[in-house]
Protein backbone atom coordinates (compact mmCIF):
# COMPACT_ATOMS: atom_id res chain seq x y z
CA MET A 1 -95.27 144.77 -107.08
CA ILE A 2 -92.13 143.49 -105.34
CA ARG A 3 -93.05 145.42 -102.19
CA GLU A 4 -96.52 143.88 -102.22
CA LEU A 5 -95.04 140.41 -102.58
CA GLU A 6 -92.53 140.87 -99.75
CA LYS A 7 -95.19 140.13 -97.12
CA TYR A 8 -95.54 136.61 -98.58
CA SER A 9 -91.82 135.98 -98.95
CA LYS A 10 -89.13 134.18 -97.01
CA LYS A 11 -85.46 135.11 -97.00
CA MET A 12 -83.03 132.53 -98.33
CA TYR A 13 -79.25 132.37 -98.36
CA VAL A 14 -77.45 130.01 -100.71
CA ASN A 15 -73.75 129.39 -101.05
CA LYS A 16 -71.68 129.58 -104.21
CA GLY A 17 -72.17 126.40 -106.24
CA GLN A 18 -75.42 125.45 -104.52
CA THR A 19 -78.36 124.34 -106.68
CA ILE A 20 -81.54 126.30 -106.04
CA TYR A 21 -83.82 123.98 -108.00
CA GLN A 22 -83.28 121.03 -110.31
CA THR A 23 -84.75 120.10 -113.68
CA GLY A 24 -87.92 118.14 -112.98
CA ASP A 25 -88.64 119.77 -109.62
CA PRO A 26 -92.26 120.94 -109.23
CA ILE A 27 -92.75 124.65 -109.81
CA ASN A 28 -93.99 125.88 -106.45
CA THR A 29 -91.76 128.89 -105.78
CA VAL A 30 -90.75 132.18 -107.39
CA TYR A 31 -87.39 133.73 -106.48
CA PHE A 32 -86.25 137.34 -106.30
CA LEU A 33 -82.47 137.76 -106.34
CA SER A 34 -81.55 140.36 -103.73
CA HIS A 35 -77.80 139.87 -103.95
CA GLY A 36 -75.43 137.72 -105.99
CA LEU A 37 -75.30 135.97 -109.36
CA VAL A 38 -77.37 132.97 -110.49
CA LYS A 39 -77.28 130.97 -113.72
CA LEU A 40 -80.15 129.14 -115.37
CA ALA A 41 -78.98 126.13 -117.36
CA GLU A 42 -80.02 122.83 -118.88
CA ASP A 43 -78.16 119.72 -119.97
CA GLY A 44 -77.90 118.87 -123.65
CA GLU A 45 -78.47 115.42 -125.07
CA ASP A 46 -74.71 114.89 -124.87
CA GLY A 47 -74.81 115.59 -121.14
CA GLN A 48 -72.96 118.89 -121.44
CA PRO A 49 -74.57 121.85 -119.66
CA VAL A 50 -75.80 124.89 -121.58
CA THR A 51 -76.08 128.19 -119.71
CA ILE A 52 -79.30 129.90 -120.78
CA VAL A 53 -79.02 133.18 -118.87
CA LEU A 54 -77.13 134.85 -116.03
CA LEU A 55 -79.31 136.59 -113.46
CA GLN A 56 -78.18 139.56 -111.38
CA GLU A 57 -79.53 141.53 -108.43
CA GLY A 58 -83.12 142.68 -108.80
CA GLU A 59 -84.26 139.89 -111.14
CA MET A 60 -87.01 137.32 -110.64
CA PHE A 61 -86.84 133.72 -111.81
CA GLY A 62 -88.35 130.28 -111.43
CA PHE A 63 -91.77 131.05 -112.92
CA LEU A 64 -91.45 131.16 -116.73
CA ASP A 65 -91.97 127.43 -117.17
CA ARG A 66 -95.20 127.67 -115.17
CA LEU A 67 -96.45 130.46 -117.42
CA ASN A 68 -95.65 128.24 -120.41
CA ASN A 69 -97.94 125.53 -118.99
CA HIS A 70 -95.26 123.34 -117.39
CA SER A 71 -95.75 121.95 -113.89
CA GLU A 72 -92.04 121.08 -113.53
CA HIS A 73 -88.84 123.03 -114.21
CA THR A 74 -87.28 122.35 -117.61
CA GLN A 75 -83.93 123.77 -116.48
CA TYR A 76 -81.99 124.19 -113.25
CA SER A 77 -80.57 127.13 -111.31
CA VAL A 78 -77.20 127.39 -109.59
CA ALA A 79 -75.71 130.15 -107.44
CA LEU A 80 -72.47 131.40 -109.01
CA THR A 81 -71.71 133.48 -105.91
CA ASP A 82 -73.04 133.54 -102.36
CA CYS A 83 -76.61 134.79 -102.82
CA SER A 84 -79.50 136.17 -100.83
CA LEU A 85 -82.99 135.58 -102.19
CA LEU A 86 -86.62 136.20 -101.43
CA SER A 87 -88.84 133.20 -102.14
CA TYR A 88 -92.62 133.10 -102.26
CA PRO A 89 -95.36 130.79 -103.59
CA VAL A 90 -95.88 130.90 -107.34
CA ASP A 91 -99.65 131.06 -106.76
CA VAL A 92 -99.19 134.52 -105.22
CA LEU A 93 -97.61 135.73 -108.45
CA LEU A 94 -100.38 134.17 -110.53
CA GLU A 95 -103.02 135.90 -108.42
CA HIS A 96 -101.35 139.25 -109.06
CA LEU A 97 -101.17 138.56 -112.79
CA ASP A 98 -104.91 137.87 -112.85
CA LYS A 99 -105.47 141.45 -111.72
CA LEU A 100 -103.74 142.91 -114.79
CA SER A 101 -105.77 144.54 -117.53
CA ALA A 102 -106.29 142.68 -120.81
CA ILE A 103 -103.62 144.79 -122.53
CA GLU A 104 -101.12 144.26 -119.70
CA LYS A 105 -101.76 140.51 -119.77
CA ALA A 106 -101.30 140.36 -123.54
CA LEU A 107 -98.02 142.26 -123.27
CA PHE A 108 -96.77 140.16 -120.37
CA TYR A 109 -97.54 136.79 -121.96
CA SER A 110 -96.12 137.93 -125.28
CA LEU A 111 -92.83 138.68 -123.51
CA VAL A 112 -92.98 135.28 -121.78
CA ARG A 113 -93.40 133.54 -125.14
CA GLN A 114 -90.52 135.49 -126.68
CA LEU A 115 -88.26 134.63 -123.74
CA ALA A 116 -89.13 130.94 -124.07
CA GLU A 117 -88.29 131.02 -127.77
CA ALA A 118 -85.03 132.84 -127.10
CA LYS A 119 -84.11 130.18 -124.53
CA GLN A 120 -84.82 127.46 -127.06
CA LEU A 121 -82.67 129.17 -129.69
CA VAL A 122 -79.72 129.29 -127.28
CA TYR A 123 -79.89 125.52 -126.97
CA VAL A 124 -80.37 124.98 -130.71
CA HIS A 125 -77.40 127.12 -131.71
CA SER A 126 -75.08 125.70 -129.07
CA LYS A 127 -75.89 121.99 -129.34
CA MET A 128 -77.27 121.14 -132.78
CA THR A 129 -75.47 120.56 -136.05
CA VAL A 130 -76.45 122.64 -139.11
CA PRO A 131 -78.83 120.02 -140.60
CA GLU A 132 -80.38 119.46 -137.16
CA ARG A 133 -80.96 123.22 -136.81
CA ILE A 134 -82.58 123.47 -140.24
CA SER A 135 -84.87 120.48 -139.64
CA TRP A 136 -85.78 121.79 -136.16
CA PHE A 137 -86.73 125.14 -137.68
CA LEU A 138 -88.88 123.56 -140.40
CA ILE A 139 -90.74 121.29 -137.95
CA ARG A 140 -91.30 124.20 -135.58
CA LEU A 141 -92.95 126.33 -138.29
CA ALA A 142 -95.02 123.63 -139.96
CA LYS A 143 -98.78 123.32 -139.51
CA MET A 144 -100.98 120.47 -140.64
CA GLU A 145 -102.82 121.17 -143.91
CA ASN A 146 -104.77 118.37 -145.58
CA GLY A 147 -102.85 115.82 -143.53
CA VAL A 148 -99.40 117.13 -144.45
CA ALA A 149 -97.10 119.28 -142.30
CA THR A 150 -96.83 122.46 -144.36
CA ILE A 151 -95.01 125.78 -144.08
CA SER A 152 -97.14 128.18 -146.08
CA ILE A 153 -95.41 131.43 -145.18
CA PRO A 154 -92.92 132.62 -147.82
CA LEU A 155 -89.38 132.12 -146.52
CA THR A 156 -86.25 132.58 -148.59
CA HIS A 157 -83.24 130.33 -148.03
CA GLU A 158 -81.42 133.44 -146.86
CA GLU A 159 -84.02 134.18 -144.18
CA ILE A 160 -83.86 130.57 -142.94
CA SER A 161 -80.07 130.87 -142.75
CA TYR A 162 -80.39 133.92 -140.51
CA MET A 163 -82.67 132.04 -138.13
CA VAL A 164 -80.54 128.90 -137.82
CA GLY A 165 -77.13 130.58 -137.93
CA CYS A 166 -75.54 129.20 -141.09
CA SER A 167 -74.85 130.22 -144.68
CA ARG A 168 -77.57 130.42 -147.33
CA GLN A 169 -75.61 127.87 -149.36
CA LYS A 170 -75.88 125.34 -146.51
CA VAL A 171 -79.65 125.81 -146.36
CA THR A 172 -79.98 125.32 -150.12
CA THR A 173 -77.75 122.24 -150.01
CA TYR A 174 -79.77 120.45 -147.33
CA LEU A 175 -83.19 121.45 -148.68
CA SER A 176 -82.20 120.21 -152.13
CA LYS A 177 -80.87 116.96 -150.65
CA TRP A 178 -84.05 116.34 -148.65
CA LYS A 179 -86.21 117.17 -151.67
CA LYS A 180 -84.27 114.67 -153.80
CA GLU A 181 -84.74 112.01 -151.09
CA GLY A 182 -88.49 112.69 -150.97
CA ILE A 183 -88.38 113.92 -147.38
CA ILE A 184 -89.73 117.37 -148.28
CA GLN A 185 -91.34 119.11 -151.22
CA TYR A 186 -91.06 122.80 -151.83
CA ASP A 187 -91.94 125.48 -154.31
CA ARG A 188 -92.32 129.23 -154.17
CA GLY A 189 -94.40 130.10 -151.15
CA TYR A 190 -94.56 126.75 -149.36
CA ILE A 191 -92.60 123.79 -147.99
CA GLN A 192 -94.22 120.43 -147.29
CA LEU A 193 -92.64 118.02 -144.81
CA VAL A 194 -93.52 114.73 -146.47
CA ASP A 195 -91.63 112.57 -143.96
CA VAL A 196 -91.32 114.40 -140.63
CA ASP A 197 -89.73 111.37 -138.92
CA GLN A 198 -86.77 111.52 -141.30
CA LEU A 199 -86.18 115.12 -140.29
CA ARG A 200 -86.11 114.48 -136.54
């Protein structure tokens, strides 16, 4: 596939420390890293940067946000060394993806979704406090049922603790506190988010 795309590409050279694209830039270009090291990062609410992934030779980047229905980049990329890149229009990549079989497309987009979730977890674990991580996880899983945000899949406090990176005791403490305050209701097999705004 890379060889096919080369005829549409342009060679780029960027210096160490140079930004390749910024958060908020339109997603028009896909990059193939021929040589060097690039980081993808985003800024937290406190203004501190969070490195999401380090990219090495032979990797492609700059397109995942587009495949997750964003028209602008949600993170930025910076060259950590002098780099050589191939750049080409994102529409060329999308045209090639359209030619995949149904099974190949399902596999590809499943991987894209998993990568997006992994990226989000990096931010959550590095920037959020324990109660913020627990509330984020609950809101993320909830679906509206009879007008109430509800988690109907059976999750133990221990399993939640594994997902948000804290002890089971911490999960129990905060869930019990929120239940006492009327923010959530829970029983075996479900959790209802009575007041989602209080959890945000």
